[in-house]
N, C-alpha and C. Protein backbone atom coordinates (compact mmCIF):
# COMPACT_ATOMS: atom_id res chain seq x y z
N UNK A 1 178.60 86.22 3.86
CA UNK A 1 178.46 87.27 4.46
C UNK A 1 177.50 88.05 3.52
N UNK A 2 177.80 88.35 2.65
CA UNK A 2 176.59 89.02 2.07
C UNK A 2 175.07 88.49 1.92
N UNK A 3 175.48 87.59 1.96
CA UNK A 3 173.52 87.15 2.14
C UNK A 3 173.02 86.86 3.50
N UNK A 4 174.03 86.72 4.36
CA UNK A 4 173.76 87.25 6.02
C UNK A 4 173.11 89.22 5.60
N UNK A 5 174.24 89.67 5.40
CA UNK A 5 173.76 90.74 5.33
C UNK A 5 172.51 91.17 4.50
N UNK A 6 172.32 91.19 3.35
CA UNK A 6 170.78 90.69 2.74
C UNK A 6 169.69 90.45 3.66
N UNK A 7 169.73 88.96 4.26
CA UNK A 7 168.34 88.99 4.78
C UNK A 7 168.67 89.93 6.00
N UNK A 8 169.10 90.19 6.84
CA UNK A 8 168.67 90.94 7.42
C UNK A 8 168.38 92.43 7.51
N UNK A 9 168.52 93.10 6.16
CA UNK A 9 168.26 93.88 5.29
C UNK A 9 166.75 93.91 5.20
N UNK A 10 166.55 92.97 4.63
CA UNK A 10 164.89 92.34 3.98
C UNK A 10 164.57 91.90 5.47
N UNK A 11 164.70 91.58 6.61
CA UNK A 11 163.99 91.68 7.91
C UNK A 11 163.65 92.92 8.55
N UNK A 12 165.08 93.83 8.41
CA UNK A 12 164.15 95.43 8.82
C UNK A 12 163.54 96.09 8.17
N UNK A 13 163.23 95.53 7.33
CA UNK A 13 162.80 96.53 5.81
C UNK A 13 161.09 96.33 5.82
N UNK A 14 160.77 95.08 6.74
CA UNK A 14 159.50 94.12 6.74
C UNK A 14 159.27 94.54 8.15
N UNK A 15 159.63 94.62 8.88
CA UNK A 15 159.12 94.99 10.12
C UNK A 15 159.02 97.02 10.14
N UNK A 16 160.19 97.69 9.05
CA UNK A 16 159.43 98.80 9.26
C UNK A 16 157.87 99.54 8.60
N UNK A 17 158.22 98.38 7.51
CA UNK A 17 156.86 98.63 6.88
C UNK A 17 155.48 97.94 7.79
N UNK A 18 155.12 96.96 8.58
CA UNK A 18 154.53 96.95 9.51
C UNK A 18 154.21 97.89 10.48
N UNK A 19 155.31 98.55 11.32
CA UNK A 19 155.51 99.39 12.26
C UNK A 19 154.29 100.90 11.45
N UNK A 20 154.48 101.02 10.42
CA UNK A 20 154.04 102.47 9.84
C UNK A 20 152.37 102.33 9.43
N UNK A 21 152.11 101.04 9.32
CA UNK A 21 150.73 100.21 8.62
C UNK A 21 149.66 100.90 10.12
N UNK A 22 148.79 101.67 9.38
CA UNK A 22 147.97 102.88 9.95
C UNK A 22 147.36 100.69 10.66
N UNK A 23 146.54 101.23 11.58
CA UNK A 23 146.04 99.78 13.21
C UNK A 23 144.55 100.10 13.22
N UNK A 24 143.78 99.61 12.55
CA UNK A 24 142.35 99.48 12.69
C UNK A 24 141.87 98.96 13.74
N UNK A 25 140.98 99.32 14.60
CA UNK A 25 140.42 98.65 15.80
C UNK A 25 138.73 98.57 15.65
N UNK A 26 138.22 97.49 15.78
CA UNK A 26 136.82 97.35 15.28
C UNK A 26 136.11 97.15 16.98
N UNK A 27 135.17 98.22 16.87
CA UNK A 27 134.17 97.86 18.16
C UNK A 27 133.52 96.80 18.50
N UNK A 28 133.55 96.33 19.64
CA UNK A 28 132.62 94.89 19.66
C UNK A 28 131.41 95.47 20.57
N UNK A 29 130.21 94.89 20.10
CA UNK A 29 129.00 95.19 20.67
C UNK A 29 128.68 93.58 21.58
N UNK A 30 128.79 94.13 23.28
CA UNK A 30 128.43 93.50 24.04
C UNK A 30 126.81 93.36 24.04
N UNK A 31 126.10 92.54 23.99
CA UNK A 31 125.26 92.29 24.40
C UNK A 31 124.20 92.25 26.03
N UNK A 32 123.51 93.02 26.30
CA UNK A 32 123.23 93.61 27.63
C UNK A 32 121.98 93.11 27.98
N UNK A 33 121.35 92.08 28.24
CA UNK A 33 119.71 91.87 28.64
C UNK A 33 119.11 92.70 29.25
N UNK A 34 119.32 93.55 30.05
CA UNK A 34 118.81 94.38 30.41
C UNK A 34 118.80 95.84 29.36
N UNK A 35 119.63 96.03 28.84
CA UNK A 35 119.07 97.24 28.05
C UNK A 35 118.57 96.89 26.59
N UNK A 36 118.10 95.40 26.57
CA UNK A 36 116.97 94.65 25.62
C UNK A 36 115.23 94.73 25.88
N UNK A 37 115.10 94.64 27.09
CA UNK A 37 113.94 94.50 27.55
C UNK A 37 113.00 95.39 26.83
N UNK A 38 111.80 95.00 26.99
CA UNK A 38 110.40 95.90 26.27
C UNK A 38 110.53 96.99 27.89
N UNK A 39 110.44 98.08 27.26
CA UNK A 39 110.22 99.25 28.21
C UNK A 39 108.71 99.90 28.53
N UNK A 40 108.26 99.62 29.26
CA UNK A 40 106.97 99.78 29.44
C UNK A 40 106.72 101.35 29.10
N UNK A 41 105.40 101.93 28.82
CA UNK A 41 105.34 103.40 28.42
C UNK A 41 104.74 104.14 29.78
N UNK A 42 105.64 105.06 30.00
CA UNK A 42 105.30 105.54 31.28
C UNK A 42 104.57 106.36 31.13
N UNK A 43 103.61 106.41 30.42
CA UNK A 43 102.15 106.84 30.59
C UNK A 43 100.79 106.27 29.85
N UNK A 44 100.32 106.10 31.09
CA UNK A 44 99.19 105.33 30.81
C UNK A 44 97.64 106.38 30.57
N UNK A 45 97.16 106.46 29.84
CA UNK A 45 96.23 108.00 30.14
C UNK A 45 94.73 107.63 30.16
N UNK A 46 93.89 106.16 30.00
CA UNK A 46 92.75 105.47 30.26
C UNK A 46 93.04 104.16 30.68
N UNK A 47 91.77 104.06 31.19
CA UNK A 47 91.54 102.60 31.68
C UNK A 47 89.51 102.53 31.73
N UNK A 48 89.30 101.42 31.16
CA UNK A 48 87.96 100.99 31.39
C UNK A 48 87.85 99.24 32.01
N UNK A 49 86.84 99.61 33.12
CA UNK A 49 86.84 98.74 34.00
C UNK A 49 85.52 98.54 34.57
N UNK A 50 85.32 97.11 35.85
CA UNK A 50 84.00 96.81 36.13
C UNK A 50 84.47 96.35 37.52
N UNK A 51 83.73 96.22 38.57
CA UNK A 51 83.72 96.18 40.06
C UNK A 51 83.23 95.05 40.33
N UNK A 52 83.83 93.60 40.70
CA UNK A 52 83.53 92.61 40.94
C UNK A 52 82.66 92.46 42.28
N UNK A 53 82.94 93.15 43.08
CA UNK A 53 82.48 93.01 44.35
C UNK A 53 80.97 93.94 43.91
N UNK A 54 81.18 95.35 43.62
CA UNK A 54 79.90 95.89 43.57
C UNK A 54 78.62 95.10 42.36
N UNK A 55 79.19 93.67 41.72
CA UNK A 55 78.32 93.17 41.47
C UNK A 55 77.28 91.99 42.30
N UNK A 56 78.22 91.77 43.05
CA UNK A 56 77.76 90.95 43.95
C UNK A 56 76.99 91.24 44.73
N UNK A 57 76.85 92.61 45.16
CA UNK A 57 76.05 93.16 45.67
C UNK A 57 74.71 93.91 44.88
N UNK A 58 74.76 94.08 43.72
CA UNK A 58 73.98 94.17 43.16
C UNK A 58 74.02 95.10 41.94
N UNK A 59 75.09 95.71 41.78
CA UNK A 59 75.44 96.93 41.17
C UNK A 59 76.28 96.76 40.04
N UNK A 60 76.31 96.32 38.60
CA UNK A 60 76.65 96.49 37.61
C UNK A 60 77.59 97.74 36.86
N UNK A 61 78.52 98.00 37.01
CA UNK A 61 79.18 99.27 36.45
C UNK A 61 79.66 99.16 35.66
N UNK A 62 80.07 100.27 34.28
CA UNK A 62 80.97 100.80 33.71
C UNK A 62 81.81 101.92 34.26
N UNK A 63 83.35 101.54 34.69
CA UNK A 63 83.81 102.51 34.82
C UNK A 63 84.95 103.00 34.11
N UNK A 64 84.56 104.11 33.69
CA UNK A 64 85.75 104.96 32.79
C UNK A 64 86.71 106.26 33.42
N UNK A 65 88.59 106.22 33.64
CA UNK A 65 88.62 106.46 34.16
C UNK A 65 90.06 107.20 33.23
N UNK A 66 90.12 108.75 33.86
CA UNK A 66 91.04 109.42 32.21
C UNK A 66 92.18 109.91 32.58
N UNK A 67 93.56 110.45 32.29
CA UNK A 67 94.47 111.58 32.82
C UNK A 67 94.13 113.04 32.96
N UNK A 68 94.00 113.37 33.67
CA UNK A 68 93.53 115.22 33.56
C UNK A 68 95.47 115.81 33.33
N UNK A 69 95.96 115.14 33.83
CA UNK A 69 97.35 116.14 34.48
C UNK A 69 98.36 114.45 35.38
N UNK A 70 99.85 115.44 35.15
CA UNK A 70 100.66 114.44 35.74
C UNK A 70 99.78 114.32 37.09
N UNK A 71 99.90 112.49 37.63
CA UNK A 71 99.61 111.80 38.68
C UNK A 71 98.06 112.21 39.21
N UNK A 72 97.13 113.25 38.36
CA UNK A 72 95.84 113.21 38.46
C UNK A 72 94.83 112.52 37.12
N UNK A 73 93.72 112.25 37.96
CA UNK A 73 92.67 111.69 37.02
C UNK A 73 91.18 111.84 37.71
N UNK A 74 90.38 111.75 36.60
CA UNK A 74 88.71 111.71 37.00
C UNK A 74 88.57 110.07 36.52
N UNK A 75 87.20 110.30 37.10
CA UNK A 75 86.39 108.69 36.93
C UNK A 75 85.17 109.00 37.18
N UNK A 76 84.57 108.02 35.84
CA UNK A 76 83.30 108.31 36.15
C UNK A 76 82.81 106.63 36.00
N UNK A 77 81.53 106.80 36.72
CA UNK A 77 81.11 104.87 36.69
C UNK A 77 80.06 105.65 36.42
N UNK A 78 79.14 104.69 35.33
CA UNK A 78 77.45 104.33 35.21
C UNK A 78 77.14 102.91 35.54
N UNK A 79 75.79 102.47 35.77
CA UNK A 79 75.63 101.33 35.51
C UNK A 79 73.95 101.04 36.25
N UNK A 80 73.81 99.85 36.09
CA UNK A 80 72.50 99.51 36.66
C UNK A 80 72.29 98.78 37.60
N UNK A 81 71.37 98.63 38.86
CA UNK A 81 71.18 98.32 39.72
C UNK A 81 70.33 96.60 39.88
N UNK A 82 70.38 95.64 40.63
CA UNK A 82 69.24 94.61 39.90
C UNK A 82 69.48 94.25 41.68
N UNK A 83 68.07 94.47 42.02
CA UNK A 83 68.65 94.55 43.68
C UNK A 83 67.58 93.20 44.24
N UNK A 84 68.73 92.09 43.95
CA UNK A 84 68.45 90.44 44.48
C UNK A 84 68.81 90.70 45.92
N UNK A 85 69.01 91.35 46.63
CA UNK A 85 69.24 91.70 48.15
C UNK A 85 68.30 92.21 48.65
N UNK A 86 67.85 92.09 49.93
CA UNK A 86 66.46 92.90 50.38
C UNK A 86 67.08 94.49 50.58
N UNK A 87 66.41 95.78 50.26
CA UNK A 87 66.59 96.83 51.14
C UNK A 87 66.47 97.05 52.97
N UNK A 88 66.08 96.08 53.27
CA UNK A 88 66.30 95.85 54.88
C UNK A 88 68.03 95.67 54.82
N UNK A 89 68.66 94.99 53.88
CA UNK A 89 70.04 94.64 54.04
C UNK A 89 70.16 93.49 54.31
N UNK A 90 71.41 93.06 54.33
CA UNK A 90 72.02 91.52 54.52
C UNK A 90 71.41 91.46 55.59
N UNK A 91 71.74 91.37 56.73
CA UNK A 91 70.92 90.90 57.65
C UNK A 91 69.26 90.68 58.14
N UNK A 92 68.79 91.17 57.74
CA UNK A 92 67.56 90.86 58.01
C UNK A 92 66.49 91.07 56.61
N UNK A 93 66.30 89.38 56.26
CA UNK A 93 65.69 88.56 55.08
C UNK A 93 64.73 88.25 55.36
N UNK A 94 64.03 87.98 56.70
CA UNK A 94 62.68 87.06 57.15
C UNK A 94 62.00 87.60 56.36
N UNK A 95 60.51 86.80 56.30
CA UNK A 95 59.59 87.08 55.53
C UNK A 95 58.68 87.49 56.54
N UNK A 96 58.47 88.53 57.83
CA UNK A 96 57.35 88.74 58.63
C UNK A 96 56.17 89.70 58.35
N UNK A 97 55.51 89.69 58.70
CA UNK A 97 53.94 90.47 58.10
C UNK A 97 54.28 91.62 59.72
N UNK A 98 54.47 91.11 60.53
CA UNK A 98 54.58 91.42 61.71
C UNK A 98 55.55 92.70 61.65
N UNK A 99 56.66 92.11 61.06
CA UNK A 99 57.58 93.73 60.22
C UNK A 99 57.82 94.13 59.43
N UNK A 100 56.58 94.05 58.94
CA UNK A 100 56.62 94.20 56.81
C UNK A 100 57.12 93.06 56.17
N UNK A 101 56.90 93.96 55.03
CA UNK A 101 56.97 92.67 53.25
C UNK A 101 58.67 92.78 53.08
N UNK A 102 59.25 91.56 53.58
CA UNK A 102 60.39 92.18 53.31
C UNK A 102 60.82 91.03 51.89
N UNK A 103 62.40 90.18 51.49
CA UNK A 103 62.61 89.49 50.84
C UNK A 103 61.72 88.64 50.24
N UNK A 104 61.20 87.52 50.28
CA UNK A 104 60.07 86.34 50.39
C UNK A 104 58.98 87.63 49.43
N UNK A 105 58.74 88.60 49.99
CA UNK A 105 57.22 89.06 49.59
C UNK A 105 57.68 89.85 48.63
N UNK A 106 58.75 89.77 47.59
CA UNK A 106 59.47 91.13 46.93
C UNK A 106 60.11 90.57 45.78
N UNK A 107 59.94 91.11 44.87
CA UNK A 107 61.45 90.39 43.45
C UNK A 107 62.07 91.60 42.56
N UNK A 108 63.36 90.82 42.66
CA UNK A 108 64.09 92.64 42.33
C UNK A 108 63.49 93.09 40.76
N UNK A 109 63.84 94.17 40.82
CA UNK A 109 63.55 95.10 39.83
C UNK A 109 65.13 96.06 39.51
N UNK A 110 65.20 96.49 37.84
CA UNK A 110 66.47 97.16 38.00
C UNK A 110 66.71 98.80 37.95
N UNK A 111 67.00 99.55 38.38
CA UNK A 111 67.44 100.56 38.09
C UNK A 111 68.76 101.32 37.87
N UNK A 112 69.45 102.59 38.97
CA UNK A 112 70.56 102.69 38.34
C UNK A 112 71.66 103.50 39.57
N UNK A 113 72.84 103.22 39.04
CA UNK A 113 73.99 103.81 39.91
C UNK A 113 74.59 104.90 39.23
N UNK A 114 75.54 106.05 40.09
CA UNK A 114 76.13 106.56 39.11
C UNK A 114 77.31 107.30 40.30
N UNK A 115 78.78 107.14 39.87
CA UNK A 115 79.22 107.59 40.88
C UNK A 115 80.49 108.12 39.71
N UNK A 116 81.42 109.56 40.50
CA UNK A 116 82.25 110.51 40.10
C UNK A 116 83.12 110.22 40.97
N UNK A 117 84.75 110.59 40.19
CA UNK A 117 85.53 110.35 41.17
C UNK A 117 86.64 111.32 40.96
N UNK A 118 87.34 112.24 41.46
CA UNK A 118 88.74 113.02 41.80
C UNK A 118 90.04 111.86 42.12
N UNK A 119 90.96 111.51 41.84
CA UNK A 119 91.79 110.90 42.26
C UNK A 119 93.41 111.29 41.96
N UNK A 120 94.35 111.30 43.02
CA UNK A 120 95.53 111.61 42.77
C UNK A 120 96.90 110.67 43.04
N UNK A 121 97.71 110.56 42.56
CA UNK A 121 98.38 109.15 42.85
C UNK A 121 99.90 109.48 43.06
N UNK A 122 100.22 110.23 44.37
CA UNK A 122 101.61 110.51 44.83
C UNK A 122 102.82 109.72 44.72
N UNK A 123 102.85 108.39 44.15
CA UNK A 123 103.79 107.68 44.48
C UNK A 123 104.68 108.35 43.17
N UNK A 124 106.26 108.99 42.85
CA UNK A 124 107.08 109.21 42.04
C UNK A 124 107.75 108.33 41.21
N UNK A 125 107.43 106.78 41.63
CA UNK A 125 108.15 105.60 40.99
C UNK A 125 107.38 104.69 39.91
N UNK A 126 105.66 105.27 40.02
CA UNK A 126 105.02 104.38 39.73
C UNK A 126 104.46 105.08 38.37
N UNK A 127 103.79 104.24 37.26
CA UNK A 127 103.72 104.77 36.05
C UNK A 127 102.49 105.73 36.40
N UNK A 128 102.14 106.84 35.05
CA UNK A 128 100.84 107.50 35.20
C UNK A 128 99.38 106.53 35.47
N UNK A 129 98.72 106.85 36.20
CA UNK A 129 97.69 105.95 36.91
C UNK A 129 98.31 104.54 37.24
N UNK A 130 99.31 104.46 37.65
CA UNK A 130 99.32 103.25 38.20
C UNK A 130 100.33 103.79 40.03
N UNK A 131 99.76 102.76 41.02
CA UNK A 131 100.43 102.70 42.20
C UNK A 131 98.92 103.34 43.15
N UNK A 132 99.41 103.76 44.09
CA UNK A 132 98.45 104.30 45.59
C UNK A 132 97.59 105.06 45.02
N UNK A 133 95.93 105.46 45.18
CA UNK A 133 96.09 106.80 44.89
C UNK A 133 95.09 107.33 46.16
N UNK A 134 94.61 108.37 46.24
CA UNK A 134 93.66 109.01 47.29
C UNK A 134 92.83 109.59 46.30
N UNK A 135 91.08 110.05 46.86
CA UNK A 135 90.21 110.42 45.96
C UNK A 135 89.51 111.13 46.66
N UNK A 136 88.53 111.80 45.99
CA UNK A 136 87.44 112.26 46.89
C UNK A 136 86.12 111.37 45.66
N UNK A 137 84.90 111.29 45.81
CA UNK A 137 83.86 110.42 45.32
C UNK A 137 82.90 110.82 45.50
N UNK A 138 81.67 111.11 44.42
CA UNK A 138 80.54 111.03 45.01
C UNK A 138 79.84 110.44 44.08
N UNK A 139 78.48 110.00 44.76
CA UNK A 139 77.93 109.02 44.19
C UNK A 139 76.47 108.86 44.54
N UNK A 140 75.17 108.52 43.61
CA UNK A 140 73.95 108.06 43.49
C UNK A 140 73.70 106.51 43.23
N UNK A 141 73.03 105.62 44.51
CA UNK A 141 72.72 104.16 44.22
C UNK A 141 71.12 104.39 44.16
N UNK A 142 70.17 103.59 43.27
CA UNK A 142 68.77 103.39 43.76
C UNK A 142 68.68 101.93 43.74
N UNK A 143 68.26 101.19 44.27
CA UNK A 143 68.09 99.71 44.40
C UNK A 143 66.17 99.82 44.79
N UNK A 144 65.88 98.88 43.88
CA UNK A 144 64.34 98.86 43.78
C UNK A 144 63.38 97.52 43.92
N UNK A 145 62.90 96.99 44.65
CA UNK A 145 62.15 95.96 44.40
C UNK A 145 60.36 96.04 44.66
N UNK A 146 60.34 94.70 43.71
CA UNK A 146 58.56 95.09 43.52
C UNK A 146 57.85 94.19 44.60
N UNK A 147 56.84 94.65 45.31
CA UNK A 147 55.85 93.72 45.48
C UNK A 147 55.31 93.05 45.42
N UNK A 148 55.17 91.54 45.51
CA UNK A 148 54.52 90.22 45.19
C UNK A 148 53.46 89.53 45.84
N UNK A 149 52.70 90.53 47.16
CA UNK A 149 51.88 90.14 47.79
C UNK A 149 50.38 90.35 47.22
N UNK A 150 49.50 90.23 47.02
CA UNK A 150 48.24 90.51 46.33
C UNK A 150 47.89 91.82 46.65
N UNK A 151 48.03 92.06 48.32
CA UNK A 151 47.54 93.09 48.65
C UNK A 151 48.35 94.84 48.00
N UNK A 152 49.35 94.21 47.72
CA UNK A 152 50.78 95.48 47.32
C UNK A 152 51.29 95.09 45.78
N UNK A 153 50.12 94.70 44.89
CA UNK A 153 50.17 94.46 43.68
C UNK A 153 50.61 95.88 43.17
N UNK A 154 52.22 95.66 42.59
CA UNK A 154 52.24 97.04 41.46
C UNK A 154 53.25 97.81 42.50
N UNK A 155 53.00 98.00 44.03
CA UNK A 155 53.89 98.64 44.39
C UNK A 155 55.36 98.39 44.27
N UNK A 156 56.28 99.41 44.84
CA UNK A 156 58.12 98.78 45.04
C UNK A 156 58.32 99.62 46.18
N UNK A 157 59.45 98.99 46.30
CA UNK A 157 60.08 99.39 47.79
C UNK A 157 61.59 99.76 46.85
N UNK A 158 61.61 101.15 47.05
CA UNK A 158 62.52 102.58 46.42
C UNK A 158 63.40 102.44 47.45
N UNK A 159 64.42 102.30 47.17
CA UNK A 159 66.07 102.88 48.74
C UNK A 159 66.79 103.29 47.55
N UNK A 160 66.79 105.06 48.05
CA UNK A 160 68.00 105.85 47.35
C UNK A 160 68.94 106.03 47.76
N UNK A 161 70.44 105.92 47.45
CA UNK A 161 71.11 106.54 48.75
C UNK A 161 72.23 107.46 47.65
N UNK A 162 72.61 108.50 48.14
CA UNK A 162 73.89 109.92 47.95
C UNK A 162 74.43 109.93 48.83
N UNK A 163 75.78 110.48 48.65
CA UNK A 163 76.29 110.73 49.43
C UNK A 163 77.88 111.04 48.64
N UNK A 164 79.12 111.10 49.80
CA UNK A 164 80.36 111.48 49.28
C UNK A 164 81.20 110.52 50.16
N UNK A 165 82.47 110.19 49.64
CA UNK A 165 83.33 109.46 50.36
C UNK A 165 84.69 110.05 50.02
N UNK A 166 85.61 109.24 51.15
CA UNK A 166 87.29 109.17 50.66
C UNK A 166 87.81 107.98 50.76
N UNK A 167 88.31 108.13 49.18
CA UNK A 167 88.60 106.66 49.03
C UNK A 167 90.12 106.40 48.73
N UNK A 168 90.30 104.88 49.07
CA UNK A 168 92.36 105.12 48.14
C UNK A 168 92.11 103.71 47.62
N UNK A 169 93.07 103.63 46.95
CA UNK A 169 92.89 102.58 45.50
C UNK A 169 94.71 102.04 45.56
N UNK A 170 94.38 101.24 44.92
CA UNK A 170 96.06 100.80 44.90
C UNK A 170 95.71 99.84 42.99
N UNK A 171 96.14 100.78 42.02
CA UNK A 171 95.32 100.04 40.79
C UNK A 171 96.91 100.04 39.86
N UNK A 172 97.05 98.56 39.20
CA UNK A 172 98.47 98.61 38.71
C UNK A 172 98.04 98.21 36.85
N UNK A 173 98.77 98.00 36.22
CA UNK A 173 98.79 97.41 35.08
C UNK A 173 99.70 95.98 34.39
N UNK A 174 99.26 95.14 33.98
CA UNK A 174 99.67 94.00 33.97
C UNK A 174 99.95 93.84 33.00
N UNK A 175 100.76 92.98 31.83
CA UNK A 175 101.01 93.43 30.13
C UNK A 175 100.84 94.12 29.38
N UNK A 176 100.71 95.39 29.82
CA UNK A 176 100.69 96.70 29.40
C UNK A 176 99.06 96.91 29.40
N UNK A 177 98.40 96.51 29.33
CA UNK A 177 96.68 96.78 29.20
C UNK A 177 96.11 96.04 30.15
N UNK A 178 96.35 94.91 30.81
CA UNK A 178 95.30 94.35 31.77
C UNK A 178 95.72 94.97 33.19
N UNK A 179 94.13 96.07 33.51
CA UNK A 179 94.24 96.60 34.56
C UNK A 179 93.60 96.25 35.95
N UNK A 180 94.08 95.99 37.04
CA UNK A 180 93.93 95.82 38.39
C UNK A 180 93.45 96.88 39.65
N UNK A 181 92.33 97.16 40.58
CA UNK A 181 92.56 97.83 40.98
C UNK A 181 91.56 97.36 42.46
N UNK A 182 91.99 97.44 43.65
CA UNK A 182 91.78 97.60 44.53
C UNK A 182 90.70 98.56 45.26
N UNK A 183 89.90 99.18 46.22
CA UNK A 183 89.27 100.34 46.52
C UNK A 183 88.50 99.97 47.95
N UNK A 184 89.01 101.22 49.02
CA UNK A 184 88.21 101.45 49.68
C UNK A 184 87.92 102.67 49.91
N UNK A 185 86.57 103.05 50.66
CA UNK A 185 86.13 104.23 50.10
C UNK A 185 85.29 104.17 51.78
N UNK A 186 85.72 105.18 52.52
CA UNK A 186 84.30 105.55 53.84
C UNK A 186 83.94 107.28 53.73
N UNK A 187 82.58 107.27 54.09
CA UNK A 187 82.04 108.30 53.77
C UNK A 187 80.66 108.57 54.41
N UNK A 188 79.52 109.63 54.39
CA UNK A 188 78.80 109.38 54.47
C UNK A 188 77.42 109.51 53.59
N UNK A 189 76.45 108.91 53.95
CA UNK A 189 75.04 108.64 52.66
C UNK A 189 73.80 109.31 53.47
N UNK A 190 73.37 110.03 52.74
CA UNK A 190 71.72 110.10 52.80
C UNK A 190 71.01 109.00 52.28
N UNK A 191 70.06 108.19 52.81
CA UNK A 191 69.46 106.95 52.42
C UNK A 191 67.88 107.53 52.82
N UNK A 192 66.95 107.91 51.21
CA UNK A 192 66.03 107.68 51.18
C UNK A 192 64.93 106.54 50.62
N UNK A 193 64.09 106.64 51.68
CA UNK A 193 63.12 104.54 51.04
C UNK A 193 62.05 105.36 51.34
N UNK A 194 60.92 104.82 50.17
CA UNK A 194 59.40 104.80 50.12
C UNK A 194 58.92 102.64 50.35
N UNK A 195 58.43 102.61 51.31
CA UNK A 195 58.20 100.88 51.00
C UNK A 195 56.79 100.78 51.79
N UNK A 196 56.15 99.92 51.80
CA UNK A 196 55.10 99.37 52.61
C UNK A 196 55.58 98.68 53.62
N UNK A 197 54.89 98.76 54.93
CA UNK A 197 54.93 98.05 56.33
C UNK A 197 53.14 97.44 56.52
N UNK A 198 53.19 96.42 57.66
CA UNK A 198 52.06 95.51 57.73
C UNK A 198 51.83 96.15 58.91
N UNK A 199 50.83 96.19 59.18
CA UNK A 199 50.06 97.64 60.37
C UNK A 199 49.23 96.13 60.78
N UNK A 200 49.51 95.67 62.54
CA UNK A 200 49.23 94.52 63.28
C UNK A 200 47.59 95.28 63.80
N UNK A 201 47.97 96.28 64.15
CA UNK A 201 46.48 96.89 64.22
C UNK A 201 45.35 97.52 63.14
N UNK A 202 45.29 97.32 62.58
CA UNK A 202 44.68 97.56 61.14
C UNK A 202 44.60 96.52 60.23
N UNK A 203 45.25 95.52 60.52
CA UNK A 203 45.42 93.93 59.48
C UNK A 203 45.45 94.51 58.35
N UNK A 204 46.52 95.77 57.99
CA UNK A 204 46.65 95.95 56.40
C UNK A 204 48.45 96.40 56.09
N UNK A 205 48.57 96.28 54.79
CA UNK A 205 49.89 97.04 54.55
C UNK A 205 49.70 98.53 54.51
N UNK A 206 50.57 99.84 54.94
CA UNK A 206 50.47 100.92 55.01
C UNK A 206 51.57 101.88 54.53
N UNK A 207 51.69 102.48 53.65
CA UNK A 207 52.93 103.07 53.18
C UNK A 207 53.88 103.64 54.47
N UNK A 208 55.35 103.78 54.08
CA UNK A 208 56.24 104.34 55.17
C UNK A 208 57.05 105.01 53.92
N UNK A 209 57.79 106.27 54.57
CA UNK A 209 58.80 106.63 54.07
C UNK A 209 59.78 107.46 55.05
N UNK A 210 61.11 106.93 55.10
CA UNK A 210 62.37 107.49 55.71
C UNK A 210 63.44 108.33 55.04
N UNK A 211 63.73 109.14 55.64
CA UNK A 211 65.26 109.56 55.36
C UNK A 211 66.20 109.97 56.37
N UNK A 212 67.12 109.34 56.33
CA UNK A 212 68.44 109.37 57.18
C UNK A 212 69.62 109.46 56.68
N UNK A 213 70.50 109.56 58.01
CA UNK A 213 71.79 109.19 57.21
C UNK A 213 72.53 108.89 57.66
N UNK A 214 73.80 108.27 57.56
CA UNK A 214 74.52 107.13 58.03
C UNK A 214 76.10 106.84 57.44
N UNK A 215 76.71 106.24 58.15
CA UNK A 215 78.46 106.53 57.83
C UNK A 215 77.93 105.75 56.25
N UNK A 216 79.01 105.77 55.20
CA UNK A 216 79.27 104.49 54.07
C UNK A 216 80.39 103.69 53.85
N UNK A 217 80.14 102.79 53.73
CA UNK A 217 81.62 102.00 53.58
C UNK A 217 81.50 101.22 52.15
N UNK A 218 82.50 101.26 51.43
CA UNK A 218 82.50 100.52 49.75
C UNK A 218 83.96 100.17 49.91
N UNK A 219 83.93 98.41 49.23
CA UNK A 219 85.13 98.38 48.71
C UNK A 219 84.86 97.79 47.28
N UNK A 220 85.80 97.77 46.99
CA UNK A 220 86.17 97.60 45.01
C UNK A 220 87.01 96.47 44.82
N UNK A 221 86.84 95.61 43.80
CA UNK A 221 87.86 94.86 43.19
C UNK A 221 87.30 94.86 41.68
N UNK A 222 88.31 95.92 41.25
CA UNK A 222 88.41 96.17 39.78
C UNK A 222 88.96 95.65 38.96
N UNK A 223 88.66 95.27 37.58
CA UNK A 223 89.29 94.73 36.73
C UNK A 223 88.88 95.02 35.58
N UNK A 224 89.70 95.60 34.10
CA UNK A 224 89.42 95.56 32.88
C UNK A 224 90.75 95.73 32.18
N UNK A 225 90.99 96.96 31.49
CA UNK A 225 91.76 97.49 30.12
C UNK A 225 91.84 98.57 29.95
N UNK A 226 92.98 99.13 29.35
CA UNK A 226 93.63 100.41 29.49
C UNK A 226 94.52 100.67 28.39
N UNK A 227 95.20 101.84 28.49
CA UNK A 227 96.69 102.43 27.48
C UNK A 227 97.08 103.34 28.19
């Protein structure tokens, strides 16, 4: 009987000791994939680009864009032109003395092109310099071709286009540094041209000069890098 009482006392003592001991609870870290993803910087301050569509028509620009305020940026473009297309346009490229000296009587020359834009990004969801933007652009573009006719040796066909336009762009960063931008712009351009035209009545080339305005449309696919 005394042994049973002693065992019971010993058991109660152990239970009482564990009930009074402090209990430590360790926190368990749960891995959440979405919390460990690379977080993209929400401020892209600059971009350097060129335009593939402009290159296809003889303009080779270097374009620099810089953020100046939240949702606002300025963009400048400087480049050279190489007029492998006729100054008469993409359609009228025949070589006929009746209508003057055209593409087949000329060779391309280098000249210049400059553009400046102010852009606004209205979206609240995209990062700086990303998403849809609307803007205003001013530009000047010179395309020059040199006549290869013996009668016009050294003479040039010079076309200078100056104007303004409203532009809409869609620009995004990929892999944090690669920039892709689509552009559509519509506006007005003044076109001055000095060239030579064949005079059937006098059987010789005579100098011509035109100064006219017309609607202007610009398309762009721009690739580059930035941060």
